Amino acid sequence: MTTLNILCAGAANGLVRALQERFFAETGATVQGQFGAVGAMKEALLAGAPCDVMIVTAAMIDSLVGDGRLRGNTVAALGRVRTGIAVRSGQPHPDVSTPQALKAALLAADAIHFPDPERATAGIHFANVLRQLEIHDTVLARFRTYPNGATAMRELAASTAPNPIGCTQVTEINYTDGVDLVGPLPERFELVTVYSAATNTKSAQPELAARFIELLAGPASHAVRAVGGFED
């Protein structure tokens, strides 16, 4: 059985999994994915991890094309993804529409779940938001950080804390059972990230890789992307 290997940012994890069966039905090929923070995915590529298709931020894709690691003529945008606040399903939704409201919601939380503040796009940004709100050190002991946003949201869903809260990219919230999207970060702290896919220059099956990218980014999956939180 043919296997397509991908390195994929956590923000697109749910999209890939949602389309795997369709891809198998169309091609007979399975998808083997490694998912994580964009920094970790770059490290994996540079270390020689199996990869036919790379799905990370558009900025990183462009950089890797420039380095000759990815094929520039295969680049396709999946869409824009906002960063948002989540709570465990069934919890009241706090007001997070303004910086002061967000600050109050975070101070009231007893656990704050978010992705790696050093290598994950949303994690790096959210840690900076906490510093701008001047509460980073105050809530440091409540941090619950994970390698990627999908894991952070699964742990938020499983949390037994009375009042946990989380932050990551909207797609990772929408694709996780047991958590609810409260809303995007306030406009002052808004982070909108464009994600793209491209074929590895070393892929042994470039035509199959191109078919997968077309499925991910093409009109046939537009509705799936929109439900998950990808915006045009």
C-alpha atoms as a PDB file:
ATOM      1  CA  MET A   1       0.000   0.000   0.000  1.00  0.00           C
ATOM      2  CA  THR A   2       1.301   3.438  -0.932  1.00  0.00           C
ATOM      3  CA  THR A   3       1.851   5.889   1.909  1.00  0.00           C
ATOM      4  CA  LEU A   4       2.104   9.664   1.622  1.00  0.00           C
ATOM      5  CA  ASN A   5       4.191  11.194   4.418  1.00  0.00           C
ATOM      6  CA  ILE A   6       3.380  14.679   5.641  1.00  0.00           C
ATOM      7  CA  LEU A   7       4.782  17.118   8.163  1.00  0.00           C
ATOM      8  CA  CYS A   8       1.899  19.253   9.360  1.00  0.00           C
ATOM      9  CA  ALA A   9       1.348  22.191  11.694  1.00  0.00           C
ATOM     10  CA  GLY A  10      -1.163  21.475  14.424  1.00  0.00           C
ATOM     11  CA  ALA A  11      -3.546  24.079  13.012  1.00  0.00           C
ATOM     12  CA  ALA A  12      -4.179  21.848   9.973  1.00  0.00           C
ATOM     13  CA  ASN A  13      -4.274  18.553  11.869  1.00  0.00           C
ATOM     14  CA  GLY A  14      -8.060  18.329  11.894  1.00  0.00           C
ATOM     15  CA  LEU A  15      -8.330  19.198   8.206  1.00  0.00           C
ATOM     16  CA  VAL A  16      -5.886  16.460   7.212  1.00  0.00           C
ATOM     17  CA  ARG A  17      -7.658  13.876   9.327  1.00  0.00           C
ATOM     18  CA  ALA A  18     -11.034  14.934   7.930  1.00  0.00           C
ATOM     19  CA  LEU A  19      -9.825  14.321   4.372  1.00  0.00           C
ATOM     20  CA  GLN A  20      -7.770  11.155   4.810  1.00  0.00           C
ATOM     21  CA  GLU A  21     -10.565   8.734   3.952  1.00  0.00           C
ATOM     22  CA  ARG A  22     -11.540  10.717   0.853  1.00  0.00           C
ATOM     23  CA  PHE A  23      -7.932  10.698  -0.332  1.00  0.00           C
ATOM     24  CA  PHE A  24      -7.680   6.954   0.216  1.00  0.00           C
ATOM     25  CA  ALA A  25     -10.918   6.384  -1.709  1.00  0.00           C
ATOM     26  CA  GLU A  26      -9.623   8.462  -4.621  1.00  0.00           C
ATOM     27  CA  THR A  27      -6.037   7.183  -4.772  1.00  0.00           C
ATOM     28  CA  GLY A  28      -5.699   4.052  -2.642  1.00  0.00           C
ATOM     29  CA  ALA A  29      -2.933   5.803  -0.690  1.00  0.00           C
ATOM     30  CA  THR A  30      -2.816   6.292   3.051  1.00  0.00           C
ATOM     31  CA  VAL A  31      -1.566   9.429   4.774  1.00  0.00           C
ATOM     32  CA  GLN A  32       1.041   9.151   7.496  1.00  0.00           C
ATOM     33  CA  GLY A  33       1.279  12.412   9.370  1.00  0.00           C
ATOM     34  CA  GLN A  34       3.581  13.980  11.918  1.00  0.00           C
ATOM     35  CA  PHE A  35       1.812  16.907  13.570  1.00  0.00           C
ATOM     36  CA  GLY A  36       3.170  19.612  15.825  1.00  0.00           C
ATOM     37  CA  ALA A  37       4.381  23.159  16.265  1.00  0.00           C
ATOM     38  CA  VAL A  38       5.632  24.773  13.065  1.00  0.00           C
ATOM     39  CA  GLY A  39       9.126  25.085  14.509  1.00  0.00           C
ATOM     40  CA  ALA A  40       9.175  21.392  15.328  1.00  0.00           C
ATOM     41  CA  MET A  41       7.993  20.527  11.809  1.00  0.00           C
ATOM     42  CA  LYS A  42      10.837  22.547  10.284  1.00  0.00           C
ATOM     43  CA  GLU A  43      13.304  20.798  12.560  1.00  0.00           C
ATOM     44  CA  ALA A  44      11.904  17.429  11.491  1.00  0.00           C
ATOM     45  CA  LEU A  45      12.241  18.304   7.799  1.00  0.00           C
ATOM     46  CA  LEU A  46      15.818  19.488   8.213  1.00  0.00           C
ATOM     47  CA  ALA A  47      16.627  16.333  10.178  1.00  0.00           C
ATOM     48  CA  GLY A  48      15.480  14.185   7.273  1.00  0.00           C
ATOM     49  CA  ALA A  49      12.093  12.960   8.517  1.00  0.00           C
ATOM     50  CA  PRO A  50      10.001  11.261   5.805  1.00  0.00           C
ATOM     51  CA  CYS A  51       8.081  14.011   4.034  1.00  0.00           C
ATOM     52  CA  ASP A  52       6.239  14.303   0.746  1.00  0.00           C
ATOM     53  CA  VAL A  53       4.059  17.282   1.724  1.00  0.00           C
ATOM     54  CA  MET A  54       4.758  20.079   4.196  1.00  0.00           C
ATOM     55  CA  ILE A  55       1.872  22.049   5.727  1.00  0.00           C
ATOM     56  CA  VAL A  56       2.939  25.007   7.863  1.00  0.00           C
ATOM     57  CA  THR A  57       2.663  28.788   7.887  1.00  0.00           C
ATOM     58  CA  ALA A  58       2.898  30.528   4.530  1.00  0.00           C
ATOM     59  CA  ALA A  59       5.918  32.453   5.774  1.00  0.00           C
ATOM     60  CA  MET A  60       7.776  29.251   6.634  1.00  0.00           C
ATOM     61  CA  ILE A  61       6.770  27.631   3.330  1.00  0.00           C
ATOM     62  CA  ASP A  62       8.189  30.620   1.439  1.00  0.00           C
ATOM     63  CA  SER A  63      11.408  30.429   3.449  1.00  0.00           C
ATOM     64  CA  LEU A  64      11.828  26.711   2.763  1.00  0.00           C
ATOM     65  CA  VAL A  65      11.106  27.243  -0.944  1.00  0.00           C
ATOM     66  CA  GLY A  66      13.845  29.856  -0.945  1.00  0.00           C
ATOM     67  CA  ASP A  67      16.217  27.354   0.663  1.00  0.00           C
ATOM     68  CA  GLY A  68      15.424  24.798  -2.013  1.00  0.00           C
ATOM     69  CA  ARG A  69      13.701  22.425   0.409  1.00  0.00           C
ATOM     70  CA  LEU A  70      10.182  22.732  -1.065  1.00  0.00           C
ATOM     71  CA  ARG A  71       8.913  23.080  -4.646  1.00  0.00           C
ATOM     72  CA  GLY A  72       7.721  26.619  -5.277  1.00  0.00           C
ATOM     73  CA  ASN A  73       5.419  25.632  -8.133  1.00  0.00           C
ATOM     74  CA  THR A  74       3.386  23.385  -5.785  1.00  0.00           C
ATOM     75  CA  VAL A  75       2.596  25.977  -3.084  1.00  0.00           C
ATOM     76  CA  ALA A  76      -1.112  26.321  -2.289  1.00  0.00           C
ATOM     77  CA  ALA A  77      -2.779  28.361   0.451  1.00  0.00           C
ATOM     78  CA  LEU A  78      -5.271  26.614   2.744  1.00  0.00           C
ATOM     79  CA  GLY A  79      -6.602  29.832   4.268  1.00  0.00           C
ATOM     80  CA  ARG A  80      -6.344  32.255   7.157  1.00  0.00           C
ATOM     81  CA  VAL A  81      -6.672  31.059  10.741  1.00  0.00           C
ATOM     82  CA  ARG A  82      -7.432  33.272  13.730  1.00  0.00           C
ATOM     83  CA  THR A  83      -6.237  32.666  17.278  1.00  0.00           C
ATOM     84  CA  GLY A  84      -8.961  32.289  19.896  1.00  0.00           C
ATOM     85  CA  ILE A  85      -9.971  31.511  23.448  1.00  0.00           C
ATOM     86  CA  ALA A  86     -11.579  28.209  24.434  1.00  0.00           C
ATOM     87  CA  VAL A  87     -13.261  26.708  27.471  1.00  0.00           C
ATOM     88  CA  ARG A  88     -14.256  23.180  28.372  1.00  0.00           C
ATOM     89  CA  SER A  89     -17.657  22.323  26.924  1.00  0.00           C
ATOM     90  CA  GLY A  90     -20.435  23.146  29.354  1.00  0.00           C
ATOM     91  CA  GLN A  91     -18.555  25.974  31.059  1.00  0.00           C
ATOM     92  CA  PRO A  92     -19.877  29.532  30.931  1.00  0.00           C
ATOM     93  CA  HIS A  93     -18.292  31.613  28.187  1.00  0.00           C
ATOM     94  CA  PRO A  94     -16.428  34.576  29.678  1.00  0.00           C
ATOM     95  CA  ASP A  95     -16.251  37.922  27.932  1.00  0.00           C
ATOM     96  CA  VAL A  96     -12.956  38.123  26.016  1.00  0.00           C
ATOM     97  CA  SER A  97     -13.921  40.868  23.570  1.00  0.00           C
ATOM     98  CA  THR A  98     -11.609  43.548  25.015  1.00  0.00           C
ATOM     99  CA  PRO A  99      -8.136  43.468  26.565  1.00  0.00           C
ATOM    100  CA  GLN A 100      -9.526  44.206  30.015  1.00  0.00           C
ATOM    101  CA  ALA A 101     -12.205  41.526  29.709  1.00  0.00           C
ATOM    102  CA  LEU A 102      -9.628  38.996  28.524  1.00  0.00           C
ATOM    103  CA  LYS A 103      -7.344  39.912  31.411  1.00  0.00           C
ATOM    104  CA  ALA A 104     -10.158  39.363  33.904  1.00  0.00           C
ATOM    105  CA  ALA A 105     -11.059  35.998  32.350  1.00  0.00           C
ATOM    106  CA  LEU A 106      -7.452  34.799  32.510  1.00  0.00           C
ATOM    107  CA  LEU A 107      -6.991  35.957  36.098  1.00  0.00           C
ATOM    108  CA  ALA A 108     -10.173  34.083  37.061  1.00  0.00           C
ATOM    109  CA  ALA A 109      -8.959  30.832  35.490  1.00  0.00           C
ATOM    110  CA  ASP A 110      -7.225  28.203  37.592  1.00  0.00           C
ATOM    111  CA  ALA A 111      -5.499  26.506  34.628  1.00  0.00           C
ATOM    112  CA  ILE A 112      -4.408  28.052  31.313  1.00  0.00           C
ATOM    113  CA  HIS A 113      -3.857  25.604  28.453  1.00  0.00           C
ATOM    114  CA  PHE A 114      -1.877  26.653  25.388  1.00  0.00           C
ATOM    115  CA  PRO A 115       0.792  25.353  22.979  1.00  0.00           C
ATOM    116  CA  ASP A 116       4.578  25.584  23.255  1.00  0.00           C
ATOM    117  CA  PRO A 117       5.482  29.248  23.955  1.00  0.00           C
ATOM    118  CA  GLU A 118       8.830  28.847  22.192  1.00  0.00           C
ATOM    119  CA  ARG A 119       8.076  26.907  18.970  1.00  0.00           C
ATOM    120  CA  ALA A 120       4.306  27.064  18.329  1.00  0.00           C
ATOM    121  CA  THR A 121       2.881  30.070  16.493  1.00  0.00           C
ATOM    122  CA  ALA A 122      -0.087  30.545  18.827  1.00  0.00           C
ATOM    123  CA  GLY A 123       1.929  29.733  21.940  1.00  0.00           C
ATOM    124  CA  ILE A 124       4.591  32.332  21.207  1.00  0.00           C
ATOM    125  CA  HIS A 125       1.935  34.933  20.493  1.00  0.00           C
ATOM    126  CA  PHE A 126      -0.196  34.145  23.541  1.00  0.00           C
ATOM    127  CA  ALA A 127       2.786  34.341  25.895  1.00  0.00           C
ATOM    128  CA  ASN A 128       3.434  37.829  24.505  1.00  0.00           C
ATOM    129  CA  VAL A 129      -0.225  38.746  25.024  1.00  0.00           C
ATOM    130  CA  LEU A 130       0.091  37.749  28.674  1.00  0.00           C
ATOM    131  CA  ARG A 131       3.136  39.990  28.999  1.00  0.00           C
ATOM    132  CA  GLN A 132       1.308  42.897  27.369  1.00  0.00           C
ATOM    133  CA  LEU A 133      -1.568  42.371  29.792  1.00  0.00           C
ATOM    134  CA  GLU A 134       1.054  42.453  32.568  1.00  0.00           C
ATOM    135  CA  ILE A 135      -0.128  39.154  34.088  1.00  0.00           C
ATOM    136  CA  HIS A 136       2.423  36.694  32.673  1.00  0.00           C
ATOM    137  CA  ASP A 137       4.287  36.158  35.933  1.00  0.00           C
ATOM    138  CA  THR A 138       1.107  36.343  38.012  1.00  0.00           C
ATOM    139  CA  VAL A 139      -0.452  33.361  36.220  1.00  0.00           C
ATOM    140  CA  LEU A 140       2.771  31.493  35.389  1.00  0.00           C
ATOM    141  CA  ALA A 141       2.043  28.725  37.907  1.00  0.00           C
ATOM    142  CA  ARG A 142      -1.276  28.056  36.134  1.00  0.00           C
ATOM    143  CA  PHE A 143       0.327  27.446  32.730  1.00  0.00           C
ATOM    144  CA  ARG A 144      -0.399  24.082  31.137  1.00  0.00           C
ATOM    145  CA  THR A 145       1.738  24.036  27.965  1.00  0.00           C
ATOM    146  CA  TYR A 146       1.951  21.278  25.353  1.00  0.00           C
ATOM    147  CA  PRO A 147       3.862  20.601  22.114  1.00  0.00           C
ATOM    148  CA  ASN A 148       0.941  21.798  19.974  1.00  0.00           C
ATOM    149  CA  GLY A 149      -2.488  23.361  20.220  1.00  0.00           C
ATOM    150  CA  ALA A 150      -4.395  20.165  19.448  1.00  0.00           C
ATOM    151  CA  THR A 151      -2.861  18.467  22.486  1.00  0.00           C
ATOM    152  CA  ALA A 152      -3.494  21.563  24.591  1.00  0.00           C
ATOM    153  CA  MET A 153      -7.170  21.482  23.650  1.00  0.00           C
ATOM    154  CA  ARG A 154      -7.532  17.743  24.335  1.00  0.00           C
ATOM    155  CA  GLU A 155      -6.029  18.319  27.775  1.00  0.00           C
ATOM    156  CA  LEU A 156      -8.370  21.262  28.336  1.00  0.00           C
ATOM    157  CA  ALA A 157     -11.318  19.003  27.481  1.00  0.00           C
ATOM    158  CA  ALA A 158     -10.070  16.415  29.991  1.00  0.00           C
ATOM    159  CA  SER A 159      -9.214  18.934  32.703  1.00  0.00           C
ATOM    160  CA  THR A 160     -10.797  18.462  36.119  1.00  0.00           C
ATOM    161  CA  ALA A 161      -9.946  21.988  37.233  1.00  0.00           C
ATOM    162  CA  PRO A 162     -13.014  24.023  38.234  1.00  0.00           C
ATOM    163  CA  ASN A 163     -12.360  26.878  35.797  1.00  0.00           C
ATOM    164  CA  PRO A 164      -9.790  26.100  33.077  1.00  0.00           C
ATOM    165  CA  ILE A 165      -9.315  28.187  29.958  1.00  0.00           C
ATOM    166  CA  GLY A 166      -7.224  27.816  26.802  1.00  0.00           C
ATOM    167  CA  CYS A 167      -5.801  29.655  23.838  1.00  0.00           C
ATOM    168  CA  THR A 168      -4.710  28.383  20.444  1.00  0.00           C
ATOM    169  CA  GLN A 169      -5.645  28.689  16.811  1.00  0.00           C
ATOM    170  CA  VAL A 170      -9.334  28.472  16.034  1.00  0.00           C
ATOM    171  CA  THR A 171      -8.989  25.380  13.842  1.00  0.00           C
ATOM    172  CA  GLU A 172      -7.479  23.414  16.723  1.00  0.00           C
ATOM    173  CA  ILE A 173     -10.384  24.450  18.943  1.00  0.00           C
ATOM    174  CA  ASN A 174     -13.064  23.644  16.370  1.00  0.00           C
ATOM    175  CA  TYR A 175     -11.658  20.205  15.597  1.00  0.00           C
ATOM    176  CA  THR A 176     -11.432  19.135  19.266  1.00  0.00           C
ATOM    177  CA  ASP A 177     -14.370  17.463  20.971  1.00  0.00           C
ATOM    178  CA  GLY A 178     -15.065  18.667  24.486  1.00  0.00           C
ATOM    179  CA  VAL A 179     -14.043  22.306  24.073  1.00  0.00           C
ATOM    180  CA  ASP A 180     -15.961  25.360  22.883  1.00  0.00           C
ATOM    181  CA  LEU A 181     -14.676  28.378  21.012  1.00  0.00           C
ATOM    182  CA  VAL A 182     -15.443  31.491  23.072  1.00  0.00           C
ATOM    183  CA  GLY A 183     -14.182  33.936  20.473  1.00  0.00           C
ATOM    184  CA  PRO A 184     -11.073  35.349  18.819  1.00  0.00           C
ATOM    185  CA  LEU A 185      -8.529  37.379  20.713  1.00  0.00           C
ATOM    186  CA  PRO A 186      -9.425  41.072  21.054  1.00  0.00           C
ATOM    187  CA  GLU A 187      -8.540  43.160  18.003  1.00  0.00           C
ATOM    188  CA  ARG A 188      -5.489  44.655  19.720  1.00  0.00           C
ATOM    189  CA  PHE A 189      -4.007  41.172  20.092  1.00  0.00           C
ATOM    190  CA  GLU A 190      -5.387  39.618  16.931  1.00  0.00           C
ATOM    191  CA  LEU A 191      -3.212  37.003  15.254  1.00  0.00           C
ATOM    192  CA  VAL A 192      -4.279  35.753  11.831  1.00  0.00           C
ATOM    193  CA  THR A 193      -1.961  33.182  10.272  1.00  0.00           C
ATOM    194  CA  VAL A 194      -2.039  31.981   6.680  1.00  0.00           C
ATOM    195  CA  TYR A 195      -1.263  28.288   6.214  1.00  0.00           C
ATOM    196  CA  SER A 196       0.033  26.754   3.006  1.00  0.00           C
ATOM    197  CA  ALA A 197       1.155  23.391   1.674  1.00  0.00           C
ATOM    198  CA  ALA A 198       3.969  22.452  -0.684  1.00  0.00           C
ATOM    199  CA  THR A 199       5.762  19.372  -1.962  1.00  0.00           C
ATOM    200  CA  ASN A 200       9.170  18.369  -0.633  1.00  0.00           C
ATOM    201  CA  THR A 201      11.840  18.601  -3.349  1.00  0.00           C
ATOM    202  CA  LYS A 202      12.988  15.146  -2.247  1.00  0.00           C
ATOM    203  CA  SER A 203       9.554  13.512  -2.512  1.00  0.00           C
ATOM    204  CA  ALA A 204       9.657  10.245  -4.431  1.00  0.00           C
ATOM    205  CA  GLN A 205       5.978  10.590  -5.342  1.00  0.00           C
ATOM    206  CA  PRO A 206       5.456  14.219  -6.398  1.00  0.00           C
ATOM    207  CA  GLU A 207       2.311  13.530  -8.431  1.00  0.00           C
ATOM    208  CA  LEU A 208       0.570  11.898  -5.473  1.00  0.00           C
ATOM    209  CA  ALA A 209       1.743  14.744  -3.240  1.00  0.00           C
ATOM    210  CA  ALA A 210       0.287  17.264  -5.688  1.00  0.00           C
ATOM    211  CA  ARG A 211      -3.062  15.441  -5.644  1.00  0.00           C
ATOM    212  CA  PHE A 212      -3.172  15.641  -1.860  1.00  0.00           C
ATOM    213  CA  ILE A 213      -2.401  19.354  -1.913  1.00  0.00           C
ATOM    214  CA  GLU A 214      -5.182  19.886  -4.451  1.00  0.00           C
ATOM    215  CA  LEU A 215      -7.593  18.070  -2.150  1.00  0.00           C
ATOM    216  CA  LEU A 216      -6.486  20.119   0.866  1.00  0.00           C
ATOM    217  CA  ALA A 217      -6.560  23.518  -0.806  1.00  0.00           C
ATOM    218  CA  GLY A 218      -8.983  23.080  -3.710  1.00  0.00           C
ATOM    219  CA  PRO A 219     -12.696  23.787  -4.078  1.00  0.00           C
ATOM    220  CA  ALA A 220     -13.712  20.196  -3.233  1.00  0.00           C
ATOM    221  CA  SER A 221     -12.780  20.734   0.419  1.00  0.00           C
ATOM    222  CA  HIS A 222     -13.759  24.385   0.788  1.00  0.00           C
ATOM    223  CA  ALA A 223     -16.721  23.583   3.046  1.00  0.00           C
ATOM    224  CA  VAL A 224     -14.579  21.333   5.248  1.00  0.00           C
ATOM    225  CA  ARG A 225     -12.001  24.086   5.639  1.00  0.00           C
ATOM    226  CA  ALA A 226     -14.646  26.700   6.448  1.00  0.00           C
ATOM    227  CA  VAL A 227     -16.294  24.564   9.148  1.00  0.00           C
ATOM    228  CA  GLY A 228     -12.901  24.009  10.739  1.00  0.00           C
ATOM    229  CA  GLY A 229     -12.060  27.703  10.892  1.00  0.00           C
ATOM    230  CA  PHE A 230     -10.023  28.366   7.743  1.00  0.00           C
ATOM    231  CA  GLU A 231     -11.045  31.680   6.198  1.00  0.00           C
ATOM    232  CA  ASP A 232     -10.577  32.794   2.591  1.00  0.00           C
END
